[in-house]
Amino acid sequence: MPEAGLQQAGPESPYGNPIPGLEELGEKAEAEAFLDDSMVSLADLDATGGKTVVVRRIGEPIQTDAQLMYTLRRAGVQPGSVVSVSESPGGVLVGSSGEAAELDPEVAAHVFVAKR
């Protein structure tokens, strides 16, 4: 369920990423930078003591891993969702509603969140 109050700047992919080149197809949306000052990757987030964040984007490098994407969906890690993040021995533990996924730093670098 999308977080109330999240502003959509323009057309986005199902993974929360801006869709480039729409102006050439007649769309009026302004291109949005991939990252803004409010976003950080899960790999760069200080999850000491646990944090609650809003998932904003899932980077293209991990979108082709069907098993990983299934795991993220089960854990509630989707753009617009509020998730809990904490440190784990293998990287970070992220999830909601009792489901969680452990992401190593390489994968966590491609999940972008906004602090609440």
C-alpha atoms as a PDB file:
ATOM      1  CA  MET A   1       0.000   0.000   0.000  1.00  0.00           C
ATOM      2  CA  PRO A   2       1.555   3.354  -1.002  1.00  0.00           C
ATOM      3  CA  GLU A   3       2.551   5.733   1.769  1.00  0.00           C
ATOM      4  CA  ALA A   4       0.108   8.631   2.091  1.00  0.00           C
ATOM      5  CA  GLY A   5       1.619  11.949   1.092  1.00  0.00           C
ATOM      6  CA  LEU A   6       4.271  10.565  -1.258  1.00  0.00           C
ATOM      7  CA  GLN A   7       4.454  12.898  -4.221  1.00  0.00           C
ATOM      8  CA  GLN A   8       4.745  11.422  -7.686  1.00  0.00           C
ATOM      9  CA  ALA A   9       6.877  13.779  -9.813  1.00  0.00           C
ATOM     10  CA  GLY A  10       6.166  12.072 -13.110  1.00  0.00           C
ATOM     11  CA  PRO A  11       5.534   8.723 -14.746  1.00  0.00           C
ATOM     12  CA  GLU A  12       7.388   5.893 -13.040  1.00  0.00           C
ATOM     13  CA  SER A  13       8.036   2.249 -13.733  1.00  0.00           C
ATOM     14  CA  PRO A  14       6.459  -0.351 -11.412  1.00  0.00           C
ATOM     15  CA  TYR A  15       9.793  -0.284  -9.567  1.00  0.00           C
ATOM     16  CA  GLY A  16       9.542   3.453  -8.803  1.00  0.00           C
ATOM     17  CA  ASN A  17      12.104   4.564 -11.386  1.00  0.00           C
ATOM     18  CA  PRO A  18      11.508   7.593 -13.618  1.00  0.00           C
ATOM     19  CA  ILE A  19      10.689   6.706 -17.217  1.00  0.00           C
ATOM     20  CA  PRO A  20      13.039   8.677 -19.495  1.00  0.00           C
ATOM     21  CA  GLY A  21      12.200   9.966 -22.958  1.00  0.00           C
ATOM     22  CA  LEU A  22       8.445  10.426 -22.495  1.00  0.00           C
ATOM     23  CA  GLU A  23       8.678  14.020 -23.763  1.00  0.00           C
ATOM     24  CA  GLU A  24       9.619  12.598 -27.170  1.00  0.00           C
ATOM     25  CA  LEU A  25       6.362  10.623 -27.145  1.00  0.00           C
ATOM     26  CA  GLY A  26       4.220  13.655 -26.356  1.00  0.00           C
ATOM     27  CA  GLU A  27       4.080  13.321 -22.554  1.00  0.00           C
ATOM     28  CA  LYS A  28       4.414  16.564 -20.586  1.00  0.00           C
ATOM     29  CA  ALA A  29       6.210  15.173 -17.512  1.00  0.00           C
ATOM     30  CA  GLU A  30       9.549  16.620 -16.490  1.00  0.00           C
ATOM     31  CA  ALA A  31      12.380  14.134 -16.130  1.00  0.00           C
ATOM     32  CA  GLU A  32      13.174  13.427 -12.508  1.00  0.00           C
ATOM     33  CA  ALA A  33      16.689  12.718 -11.265  1.00  0.00           C
ATOM     34  CA  PHE A  34      17.119   9.083 -10.236  1.00  0.00           C
ATOM     35  CA  LEU A  35      18.024  10.073  -6.678  1.00  0.00           C
ATOM     36  CA  ASP A  36      17.095  13.134  -4.679  1.00  0.00           C
ATOM     37  CA  ASP A  37      18.416  14.378  -1.336  1.00  0.00           C
ATOM     38  CA  SER A  38      15.775  12.480   0.621  1.00  0.00           C
ATOM     39  CA  MET A  39      16.769   9.044  -0.762  1.00  0.00           C
ATOM     40  CA  VAL A  40      19.480   6.654   0.340  1.00  0.00           C
ATOM     41  CA  SER A  41      20.234   3.049  -0.578  1.00  0.00           C
ATOM     42  CA  LEU A  42      19.671   0.386   2.060  1.00  0.00           C
ATOM     43  CA  ALA A  43      23.415  -0.321   1.879  1.00  0.00           C
ATOM     44  CA  ASP A  44      24.144   3.296   2.916  1.00  0.00           C
ATOM     45  CA  LEU A  45      21.368   3.585   5.518  1.00  0.00           C
ATOM     46  CA  ASP A  46      22.492   3.520   9.136  1.00  0.00           C
ATOM     47  CA  ALA A  47      20.146   0.787  10.370  1.00  0.00           C
ATOM     48  CA  THR A  48      21.623   0.667  13.879  1.00  0.00           C
ATOM     49  CA  GLY A  49      18.798   0.038  16.316  1.00  0.00           C
ATOM     50  CA  GLY A  50      16.290  -0.410  13.488  1.00  0.00           C
ATOM     51  CA  LYS A  51      14.632   2.166  11.242  1.00  0.00           C
ATOM     52  CA  THR A  52      11.296   2.625   9.510  1.00  0.00           C
ATOM     53  CA  VAL A  53      11.567   3.851   5.923  1.00  0.00           C
ATOM     54  CA  VAL A  54       9.499   4.208   2.766  1.00  0.00           C
ATOM     55  CA  VAL A  55      10.693   2.209  -0.255  1.00  0.00           C
ATOM     56  CA  ARG A  56      11.078   4.613  -3.176  1.00  0.00           C
ATOM     57  CA  ARG A  57      12.903   2.701  -5.920  1.00  0.00           C
ATOM     58  CA  ILE A  58      14.310  -0.691  -6.861  1.00  0.00           C
ATOM     59  CA  GLY A  59      17.274  -0.362  -9.199  1.00  0.00           C
ATOM     60  CA  GLU A  60      17.413  -2.081 -12.570  1.00  0.00           C
ATOM     61  CA  PRO A  61      20.476  -4.261 -11.808  1.00  0.00           C
ATOM     62  CA  ILE A  62      18.420  -6.478  -9.453  1.00  0.00           C
ATOM     63  CA  GLN A  63      15.103  -6.409 -11.354  1.00  0.00           C
ATOM     64  CA  THR A  64      16.132  -9.338 -13.577  1.00  0.00           C
ATOM     65  CA  ASP A  65      16.531 -11.733 -10.632  1.00  0.00           C
ATOM     66  CA  ALA A  66      13.050 -13.300 -10.496  1.00  0.00           C
ATOM     67  CA  GLN A  67      13.667 -15.135  -7.199  1.00  0.00           C
ATOM     68  CA  LEU A  68      14.975 -11.987  -5.524  1.00  0.00           C
ATOM     69  CA  MET A  69      12.028  -9.916  -6.781  1.00  0.00           C
ATOM     70  CA  TYR A  70       9.629 -12.583  -5.451  1.00  0.00           C
ATOM     71  CA  THR A  71      11.409 -12.471  -2.081  1.00  0.00           C
ATOM     72  CA  LEU A  72      11.180  -8.669  -1.977  1.00  0.00           C
ATOM     73  CA  ARG A  73       7.446  -8.754  -2.818  1.00  0.00           C
ATOM     74  CA  ARG A  74       6.766 -11.326  -0.075  1.00  0.00           C
ATOM     75  CA  ALA A  75       8.618  -9.106   2.408  1.00  0.00           C
ATOM     76  CA  GLY A  76       6.593  -6.060   1.323  1.00  0.00           C
ATOM     77  CA  VAL A  77       9.558  -4.289  -0.257  1.00  0.00           C
ATOM     78  CA  GLN A  78       7.756  -2.396  -3.039  1.00  0.00           C
ATOM     79  CA  PRO A  79       7.819   1.305  -3.999  1.00  0.00           C
ATOM     80  CA  GLY A  80       5.518   3.268  -1.701  1.00  0.00           C
ATOM     81  CA  SER A  81       5.583   0.661   1.086  1.00  0.00           C
ATOM     82  CA  VAL A  82       6.650   1.351   4.656  1.00  0.00           C
ATOM     83  CA  VAL A  83       9.193  -1.216   5.854  1.00  0.00           C
ATOM     84  CA  SER A  84      11.373  -1.847   8.881  1.00  0.00           C
ATOM     85  CA  VAL A  85      15.128  -2.125   8.405  1.00  0.00           C
ATOM     86  CA  SER A  86      17.710  -3.459  10.824  1.00  0.00           C
ATOM     87  CA  GLU A  87      21.278  -4.661  10.667  1.00  0.00           C
ATOM     88  CA  SER A  88      21.926  -8.350  10.153  1.00  0.00           C
ATOM     89  CA  PRO A  89      25.087 -10.455   9.977  1.00  0.00           C
ATOM     90  CA  GLY A  90      24.757 -10.669   6.171  1.00  0.00           C
ATOM     91  CA  GLY A  91      23.827  -7.023   5.530  1.00  0.00           C
ATOM     92  CA  VAL A  92      20.335  -5.688   6.312  1.00  0.00           C
ATOM     93  CA  LEU A  93      17.023  -7.255   7.262  1.00  0.00           C
ATOM     94  CA  VAL A  94      14.072  -5.506   5.603  1.00  0.00           C
ATOM     95  CA  GLY A  95      10.354  -6.223   5.616  1.00  0.00           C
ATOM     96  CA  SER A  96       6.843  -5.612   6.885  1.00  0.00           C
ATOM     97  CA  SER A  97       3.849  -7.494   8.284  1.00  0.00           C
ATOM     98  CA  GLY A  98       5.937 -10.252   9.822  1.00  0.00           C
ATOM     99  CA  GLU A  99       7.801 -11.083   6.599  1.00  0.00           C
ATOM    100  CA  ALA A 100      11.435 -10.083   6.079  1.00  0.00           C
ATOM    101  CA  ALA A 101      14.296 -10.582   3.655  1.00  0.00           C
ATOM    102  CA  GLU A 102      18.004 -10.450   4.407  1.00  0.00           C
ATOM    103  CA  LEU A 103      19.819  -8.474   1.721  1.00  0.00           C
ATOM    104  CA  ASP A 104      23.564  -8.560   1.269  1.00  0.00           C
ATOM    105  CA  PRO A 105      25.253  -5.164   0.739  1.00  0.00           C
ATOM    106  CA  GLU A 106      25.497  -5.675  -3.043  1.00  0.00           C
ATOM    107  CA  VAL A 107      21.700  -6.141  -3.372  1.00  0.00           C
ATOM    108  CA  ALA A 108      20.876  -3.535  -0.701  1.00  0.00           C
ATOM    109  CA  ALA A 109      22.777  -0.947  -2.773  1.00  0.00           C
ATOM    110  CA  HIS A 110      19.971  -1.140  -5.376  1.00  0.00           C
ATOM    111  CA  VAL A 111      17.007  -0.619  -3.014  1.00  0.00           C
ATOM    112  CA  PHE A 112      16.421   3.093  -2.401  1.00  0.00           C
ATOM    113  CA  VAL A 113      14.404   4.426   0.507  1.00  0.00           C
ATOM    114  CA  ALA A 114      13.322   7.686   2.139  1.00  0.00           C
ATOM    115  CA  LYS A 115      13.552   8.051   5.903  1.00  0.00           C
ATOM    116  CA  ARG A 116      10.255   8.699   7.665  1.00  0.00           C
END
